[in-house]
Amino acid sequence: MPLSAHYPQPAESLAVWQLLALNVVTLSLLSPVLLRNWTAYVGVILMSAPMFVLASILSSRELSRVAIPFSATVIWATVMRCALAFVPTRFHLIVVALANLLTFGGIASWYVAHEFVGGG
């Protein structure tokens, strides 16, 4: 597989970015459950902060360089929570479907562009 042929060594150097991807995908899939109210939203944000600290330690990255991926998680959680707050309950699954289209569709289009169009 061409993408795995040049995987960075050590692999732990990508821990922060893998955590960001995991957070975005998880929030996209499970936002009606994880972000059911504003209290749960604050809980999700507060629980992701120590995970980013651990990922920075694992990847030997300065804590200041983890601020951008953590901010991206906060922004995505805020967007999802606001979408769920301002959309009627019966349309929550449509919000989830659109979020999944953005996340998984973005990953798939990046892979296709990188692998087949000339990036790889």
Protein backbone atom coordinates (compact mmCIF):
# COMPACT_ATOMS: atom_id res chain seq x y z
CA MET A 1 0.00 0.00 0.00
CA PRO A 2 1.70 3.22 -1.09
CA LEU A 3 0.49 5.42 1.79
CA SER A 4 1.90 3.14 4.49
CA ALA A 5 5.25 2.85 2.75
CA HIS A 6 6.36 6.25 4.08
CA TYR A 7 4.76 6.14 7.52
CA PRO A 8 6.61 8.50 9.89
CA GLN A 9 8.94 6.96 12.41
CA PRO A 10 8.36 6.91 15.28
CA ALA A 11 4.64 6.50 14.77
CA GLU A 12 3.92 8.21 18.10
CA SER A 13 4.79 11.53 16.47
CA LEU A 14 1.29 11.54 14.96
CA ALA A 15 -0.56 10.98 18.24
CA VAL A 16 -1.94 14.52 18.42
CA TRP A 17 -3.26 14.46 14.85
CA GLN A 18 -4.73 11.00 15.28
CA LEU A 19 -6.51 12.18 18.42
CA LEU A 20 -7.89 15.16 16.51
CA ALA A 21 -9.19 12.88 13.76
CA LEU A 22 -10.70 10.55 16.33
CA ASN A 23 -12.43 13.43 18.13
CA VAL A 24 -13.88 14.90 14.95
CA VAL A 25 -15.17 11.57 13.67
CA THR A 26 -16.58 10.58 17.07
CA LEU A 27 -18.34 13.91 17.48
CA SER A 28 -19.75 13.58 13.98
CA LEU A 29 -21.10 10.10 14.59
CA LEU A 30 -22.32 10.45 18.17
CA SER A 31 -23.17 14.13 18.52
CA PRO A 32 -26.83 13.64 19.54
CA VAL A 33 -25.66 11.47 22.44
CA LEU A 34 -22.41 13.19 23.43
CA LEU A 35 -23.67 16.76 22.95
CA ARG A 36 -27.26 16.38 24.11
CA ASN A 37 -27.12 19.61 26.18
CA TRP A 38 -24.69 22.40 27.00
CA THR A 39 -23.49 20.68 30.16
CA ALA A 40 -22.51 17.59 28.18
CA TYR A 41 -20.81 19.86 25.64
CA VAL A 42 -18.63 21.41 28.38
CA GLY A 43 -17.89 17.92 29.70
CA VAL A 44 -16.70 16.75 26.28
CA ILE A 45 -14.41 19.75 25.95
CA LEU A 46 -13.02 19.38 29.46
CA MET A 47 -12.39 15.65 28.99
CA SER A 48 -10.60 16.13 25.67
CA ALA A 49 -8.06 18.58 27.14
CA PRO A 50 -6.17 16.00 29.25
CA MET A 51 -6.18 13.60 26.32
CA PHE A 52 -4.40 16.20 24.18
CA VAL A 53 -1.89 16.74 26.99
CA LEU A 54 -1.20 12.99 27.07
CA ALA A 55 -0.92 12.90 23.28
CA SER A 56 1.60 15.75 23.37
CA ILE A 57 3.67 13.85 25.93
CA LEU A 58 3.49 10.68 23.84
CA SER A 59 4.54 12.50 20.67
CA SER A 60 7.25 14.55 22.43
CA ARG A 61 5.59 17.72 21.24
CA GLU A 62 5.54 21.03 23.08
CA LEU A 63 2.22 21.75 24.72
CA SER A 64 1.93 25.05 22.84
CA ARG A 65 1.94 23.13 19.53
CA VAL A 66 -1.13 21.17 20.66
CA ALA A 67 -3.26 24.31 20.90
CA ILE A 68 -4.28 24.25 17.23
CA PRO A 69 -5.56 20.63 17.17
CA PHE A 70 -7.33 21.18 20.51
CA SER A 71 -8.89 24.38 19.17
CA ALA A 72 -10.09 22.49 16.10
CA THR A 73 -11.78 19.97 18.39
CA VAL A 74 -13.44 22.77 20.36
CA ILE A 75 -14.61 24.49 17.17
CA TRP A 76 -16.03 21.26 15.74
CA ALA A 77 -17.82 20.45 19.01
CA THR A 78 -19.22 23.99 19.11
CA VAL A 79 -20.47 23.75 15.53
CA MET A 80 -22.10 20.40 16.20
CA ARG A 81 -23.68 21.56 19.48
CA CYS A 82 -25.05 24.75 17.90
CA ALA A 83 -26.41 22.77 14.97
CA LEU A 84 -28.18 20.42 17.36
CA ALA A 85 -29.45 23.30 19.51
CA PHE A 86 -30.96 25.28 16.66
CA VAL A 87 -32.35 22.42 14.56
CA PRO A 88 -35.56 20.65 15.62
CA THR A 89 -35.06 17.21 17.17
CA ARG A 90 -36.57 15.39 14.21
CA PHE A 91 -33.77 16.74 11.99
CA HIS A 92 -30.86 15.72 14.25
CA LEU A 93 -30.10 12.68 12.11
CA ILE A 94 -29.84 14.93 9.06
CA VAL A 95 -27.27 17.04 10.96
CA VAL A 96 -25.36 13.85 11.76
CA ALA A 97 -25.53 12.75 8.12
CA LEU A 98 -24.19 16.10 6.90
CA ALA A 99 -21.41 16.05 9.48
CA ASN A 100 -20.44 12.54 8.40
CA LEU A 101 -20.49 13.64 4.78
CA LEU A 102 -18.08 16.45 5.65
CA THR A 103 -15.74 14.31 7.73
CA PHE A 104 -15.71 10.98 5.90
CA GLY A 105 -16.23 12.64 2.52
CA GLY A 106 -13.32 14.95 3.20
CA ILE A 107 -11.09 12.05 4.20
CA ALA A 108 -12.10 10.03 1.14
CA SER A 109 -11.60 12.94 -1.26
CA TRP A 110 -8.21 13.75 0.27
CA TYR A 111 -7.15 10.12 -0.14
CA VAL A 112 -8.31 9.97 -3.76
CA ALA A 113 -6.61 13.26 -4.60
CA HIS A 114 -3.42 12.28 -2.83
CA GLU A 115 -3.23 8.75 -4.17
CA PHE A 116 -4.55 8.97 -7.71
CA VAL A 117 -4.38 12.56 -8.93
CA GLY A 118 -0.72 13.15 -8.37
CA GLY A 119 0.00 13.69 -4.71
CA GLY A 120 1.44 10.20 -4.20
